[in-house]
Every structure is written in structure tokens, then in C-alpha cells.
Amino acid sequence: MTEKTHHRDIETIAGGSAEDSLLGRLRHSNIEDMIQGMEQNGYVLDDEQAVVLLLMTELQRPLLLEGDAGVGKTELAAALAKHLG
């Protein structure tokens, strides 16, 4: 994914211009680091999920995960805890 394409994806997620938003200030390398770090801990993320986790950590806010049993909520939390140390 090129950086230009990535910014367009961020604009879609943010609903506005990437340069004017908090999402725009998140660097592509940080998103890739989150994806790779989570993969190293056994959890595969897409770009959208990585942005959500980065925002959660940057804003120091909780994230509510909802879903049926067995969809990976606890696995995500465990992988994130390992990744963040």
C-alpha cells in the first residue's frame, strides 16, 4: 500500500481530511508497527483495526469490544497486552 493510498484510507475512516485530523497525525510507520507487533503476538489486524488500537493507546481511552463468544475479543486483548509490554 502506498502512502498516498494509505492517507486516502485514513480519510475514509476519519470522515475528513487526513492532514486536519488526529488520524492524519498518526504516521504510516506507527500503523505498520502496530500491525506487525500484533502479528508477532498471534493476532492479524487490518489497517482500520490498527488505527483504532493506535487511537485507543494515543488517547489513553478504553475500547469496548462486543461480539459473540469465540470471535477473538480476549485474544485481541492478550496480543495487545503482549505487544505493548
N, C-alpha and C. Protein backbone atom coordinates (compact mmCIF):
# COMPACT_ATOMS: atom_id res chain seq x y z
N MET A 1 0.85 -1.17 0.00
CA MET A 1 0.00 0.00 0.00
C MET A 1 0.90 1.23 0.00
N THR A 2 0.67 2.15 -0.92
CA THR A 2 1.46 3.37 -0.96
C THR A 2 0.99 4.33 0.10
N GLU A 3 1.84 5.30 0.44
CA GLU A 3 1.47 6.28 1.46
C GLU A 3 0.27 7.11 1.01
N LYS A 4 0.22 7.43 -0.29
CA LYS A 4 -0.91 8.19 -0.82
C LYS A 4 -2.22 7.40 -0.67
N THR A 5 -2.18 6.13 -1.00
CA THR A 5 -3.36 5.28 -0.84
C THR A 5 -3.72 5.17 0.63
N HIS A 6 -2.71 5.04 1.48
CA HIS A 6 -2.95 4.91 2.91
C HIS A 6 -3.66 6.16 3.46
N HIS A 7 -3.21 7.35 3.06
CA HIS A 7 -3.87 8.58 3.52
C HIS A 7 -5.31 8.65 3.06
N ARG A 8 -5.58 8.17 1.86
CA ARG A 8 -6.96 8.14 1.37
C ARG A 8 -7.80 7.22 2.24
N ASP A 9 -7.23 6.08 2.66
CA ASP A 9 -7.93 5.16 3.55
C ASP A 9 -8.20 5.81 4.90
N ILE A 10 -7.23 6.54 5.42
CA ILE A 10 -7.41 7.24 6.69
C ILE A 10 -8.51 8.27 6.57
N GLU A 11 -8.56 9.00 5.45
CA GLU A 11 -9.62 9.98 5.25
C GLU A 11 -10.99 9.31 5.27
N THR A 12 -11.07 8.13 4.68
CA THR A 12 -12.33 7.39 4.67
C THR A 12 -12.74 7.03 6.09
N ILE A 13 -11.80 6.54 6.88
CA ILE A 13 -12.07 6.16 8.26
C ILE A 13 -12.44 7.39 9.09
N ALA A 14 -11.70 8.48 8.90
CA ALA A 14 -11.89 9.68 9.72
C ALA A 14 -13.08 10.51 9.27
N GLY A 15 -13.48 10.36 8.04
CA GLY A 15 -14.59 11.16 7.53
C GLY A 15 -14.17 12.58 7.21
N GLY A 16 -12.91 12.81 6.93
CA GLY A 16 -12.44 14.15 6.61
C GLY A 16 -11.03 14.09 6.09
N SER A 17 -10.40 15.23 6.01
CA SER A 17 -9.04 15.33 5.51
C SER A 17 -8.07 14.74 6.53
N ALA A 18 -7.20 13.87 6.07
CA ALA A 18 -6.25 13.21 6.96
C ALA A 18 -5.31 14.21 7.61
N GLU A 19 -4.90 15.23 6.89
CA GLU A 19 -3.94 16.18 7.43
C GLU A 19 -4.54 17.02 8.55
N ASP A 20 -5.85 17.21 8.59
CA ASP A 20 -6.51 18.05 9.56
C ASP A 20 -6.98 17.30 10.80
N SER A 21 -6.80 16.00 10.86
CA SER A 21 -7.37 15.21 11.94
C SER A 21 -6.28 14.53 12.76
N LEU A 22 -6.70 14.00 13.90
CA LEU A 22 -5.78 13.21 14.71
C LEU A 22 -5.28 12.02 13.92
N LEU A 23 -6.17 11.41 13.15
CA LEU A 23 -5.77 10.27 12.34
C LEU A 23 -4.67 10.65 11.37
N GLY A 24 -4.73 11.87 10.86
CA GLY A 24 -3.71 12.33 9.93
C GLY A 24 -2.35 12.47 10.58
N ARG A 25 -2.35 12.68 11.89
CA ARG A 25 -1.08 12.83 12.60
C ARG A 25 -0.46 11.48 12.96
N LEU A 26 -1.25 10.42 12.84
CA LEU A 26 -0.70 9.08 13.06
C LEU A 26 0.14 8.73 11.85
N ARG A 27 1.33 8.33 12.08
CA ARG A 27 2.23 8.02 10.97
C ARG A 27 1.96 6.63 10.43
N HIS A 28 2.16 6.51 9.12
CA HIS A 28 2.01 5.22 8.45
C HIS A 28 2.88 4.17 9.14
N SER A 29 4.10 4.56 9.55
CA SER A 29 5.00 3.60 10.19
C SER A 29 4.42 3.11 11.51
N ASN A 30 3.70 3.96 12.24
CA ASN A 30 3.09 3.53 13.50
C ASN A 30 2.01 2.49 13.25
N ILE A 31 1.24 2.70 12.19
CA ILE A 31 0.19 1.75 11.84
C ILE A 31 0.83 0.41 11.46
N GLU A 32 1.86 0.46 10.65
CA GLU A 32 2.55 -0.77 10.25
C GLU A 32 3.18 -1.45 11.46
N ASP A 33 3.75 -0.66 12.39
CA ASP A 33 4.34 -1.24 13.61
C ASP A 33 3.28 -1.96 14.43
N MET A 34 2.09 -1.36 14.54
CA MET A 34 1.01 -1.99 15.29
C MET A 34 0.60 -3.30 14.62
N ILE A 35 0.46 -3.28 13.31
CA ILE A 35 0.07 -4.48 12.58
C ILE A 35 1.11 -5.57 12.76
N GLN A 36 2.38 -5.23 12.59
CA GLN A 36 3.45 -6.22 12.71
C GLN A 36 3.59 -6.72 14.14
N GLY A 37 3.48 -5.82 15.11
CA GLY A 37 3.59 -6.22 16.52
C GLY A 37 2.48 -7.17 16.93
N MET A 38 1.28 -6.88 16.47
CA MET A 38 0.16 -7.76 16.80
C MET A 38 0.31 -9.11 16.10
N GLU A 39 0.79 -9.10 14.85
CA GLU A 39 1.02 -10.37 14.14
C GLU A 39 2.07 -11.21 14.86
N GLN A 40 3.10 -10.57 15.40
CA GLN A 40 4.13 -11.30 16.14
C GLN A 40 3.57 -11.93 17.41
N ASN A 41 2.45 -11.40 17.87
CA ASN A 41 1.81 -11.93 19.07
C ASN A 41 0.55 -12.73 18.74
N GLY A 42 0.43 -13.14 17.48
CA GLY A 42 -0.60 -14.08 17.09
C GLY A 42 -1.95 -13.50 16.72
N TYR A 43 -2.02 -12.19 16.42
CA TYR A 43 -3.30 -11.59 16.05
C TYR A 43 -3.13 -10.77 14.79
N VAL A 44 -3.91 -11.06 13.77
CA VAL A 44 -3.80 -10.38 12.49
C VAL A 44 -4.80 -9.23 12.44
N LEU A 45 -4.30 -8.02 12.15
CA LEU A 45 -5.12 -6.81 12.04
C LEU A 45 -5.13 -6.30 10.62
N ASP A 46 -6.20 -5.59 10.26
CA ASP A 46 -6.17 -4.82 9.03
C ASP A 46 -5.86 -3.37 9.42
N ASP A 47 -5.72 -2.49 8.43
CA ASP A 47 -5.36 -1.09 8.70
C ASP A 47 -6.37 -0.40 9.61
N GLU A 48 -7.65 -0.64 9.38
CA GLU A 48 -8.69 0.01 10.17
C GLU A 48 -8.59 -0.38 11.64
N GLN A 49 -8.41 -1.65 11.89
CA GLN A 49 -8.28 -2.12 13.27
C GLN A 49 -7.03 -1.56 13.93
N ALA A 50 -5.94 -1.48 13.18
CA ALA A 50 -4.70 -0.92 13.72
C ALA A 50 -4.88 0.55 14.10
N VAL A 51 -5.59 1.31 13.27
CA VAL A 51 -5.84 2.72 13.56
C VAL A 51 -6.66 2.85 14.85
N VAL A 52 -7.67 2.01 15.01
CA VAL A 52 -8.49 2.04 16.22
C VAL A 52 -7.64 1.77 17.46
N LEU A 53 -6.78 0.76 17.39
CA LEU A 53 -5.93 0.45 18.54
C LEU A 53 -4.92 1.56 18.81
N LEU A 54 -4.40 2.16 17.75
CA LEU A 54 -3.48 3.29 17.94
C LEU A 54 -4.18 4.48 18.59
N LEU A 55 -5.39 4.76 18.13
CA LEU A 55 -6.15 5.85 18.74
C LEU A 55 -6.43 5.56 20.21
N MET A 56 -6.79 4.34 20.51
CA MET A 56 -7.05 3.95 21.89
C MET A 56 -5.82 4.20 22.76
N THR A 57 -4.66 3.81 22.27
CA THR A 57 -3.44 3.99 23.05
C THR A 57 -3.02 5.46 23.11
N GLU A 58 -3.12 6.18 21.99
CA GLU A 58 -2.73 7.59 21.96
C GLU A 58 -3.62 8.46 22.84
N LEU A 59 -4.91 8.18 22.80
CA LEU A 59 -5.87 8.98 23.58
C LEU A 59 -6.02 8.46 25.00
N GLN A 60 -5.41 7.30 25.28
CA GLN A 60 -5.49 6.66 26.59
C GLN A 60 -6.94 6.51 27.04
N ARG A 61 -7.73 5.95 26.13
CA ARG A 61 -9.15 5.72 26.37
C ARG A 61 -9.44 4.22 26.23
N PRO A 62 -10.44 3.72 26.94
CA PRO A 62 -10.79 2.30 26.80
C PRO A 62 -11.48 2.02 25.47
N LEU A 63 -11.47 0.78 25.09
CA LEU A 63 -12.14 0.34 23.88
C LEU A 63 -13.11 -0.77 24.25
N LEU A 64 -14.36 -0.60 23.91
CA LEU A 64 -15.38 -1.62 24.17
C LEU A 64 -15.42 -2.57 22.98
N LEU A 65 -15.19 -3.84 23.25
CA LEU A 65 -15.27 -4.87 22.21
C LEU A 65 -16.52 -5.69 22.45
N GLU A 66 -17.35 -5.78 21.45
CA GLU A 66 -18.56 -6.59 21.53
C GLU A 66 -18.50 -7.69 20.48
N GLY A 67 -19.10 -8.80 20.79
CA GLY A 67 -19.18 -9.88 19.82
C GLY A 67 -19.54 -11.18 20.49
N ASP A 68 -19.93 -12.13 19.67
CA ASP A 68 -20.28 -13.45 20.17
C ASP A 68 -19.06 -14.15 20.77
N ALA A 69 -19.33 -15.16 21.55
CA ALA A 69 -18.25 -15.97 22.12
C ALA A 69 -17.42 -16.58 21.00
N GLY A 70 -16.10 -16.52 21.18
CA GLY A 70 -15.22 -17.18 20.22
C GLY A 70 -14.78 -16.35 19.04
N VAL A 71 -15.13 -15.06 19.00
CA VAL A 71 -14.74 -14.24 17.85
C VAL A 71 -13.36 -13.60 18.00
N GLY A 72 -12.77 -13.67 19.21
CA GLY A 72 -11.40 -13.19 19.37
C GLY A 72 -11.21 -11.96 20.24
N LYS A 73 -12.20 -11.59 21.03
CA LYS A 73 -12.08 -10.41 21.88
C LYS A 73 -10.95 -10.57 22.90
N THR A 74 -10.92 -11.70 23.58
CA THR A 74 -9.89 -11.94 24.59
C THR A 74 -8.53 -12.11 23.93
N GLU A 75 -8.49 -12.75 22.77
CA GLU A 75 -7.23 -12.91 22.05
C GLU A 75 -6.64 -11.57 21.65
N LEU A 76 -7.50 -10.65 21.20
CA LEU A 76 -7.04 -9.32 20.84
C LEU A 76 -6.44 -8.62 22.07
N ALA A 77 -7.13 -8.69 23.19
CA ALA A 77 -6.64 -8.05 24.41
C ALA A 77 -5.30 -8.65 24.86
N ALA A 78 -5.19 -9.97 24.77
CA ALA A 78 -3.95 -10.63 25.17
C ALA A 78 -2.80 -10.26 24.25
N ALA A 79 -3.04 -10.25 22.96
CA ALA A 79 -2.00 -9.89 21.98
C ALA A 79 -1.58 -8.43 22.15
N LEU A 80 -2.55 -7.55 22.40
CA LEU A 80 -2.24 -6.13 22.59
C LEU A 80 -1.41 -5.94 23.86
N ALA A 81 -1.78 -6.64 24.93
CA ALA A 81 -1.02 -6.53 26.17
C ALA A 81 0.43 -6.99 25.97
N LYS A 82 0.62 -8.07 25.25
CA LYS A 82 1.99 -8.54 24.95
C LYS A 82 2.73 -7.54 24.10
N HIS A 83 2.06 -7.00 23.08
CA HIS A 83 2.70 -6.05 22.17
C HIS A 83 3.12 -4.77 22.90
N LEU A 84 2.26 -4.27 23.76
CA LEU A 84 2.55 -3.01 24.46
C LEU A 84 3.45 -3.20 25.66
N GLY A 85 3.63 -4.46 26.07
CA GLY A 85 4.52 -4.76 27.17
C GLY A 85 3.86 -4.57 28.48
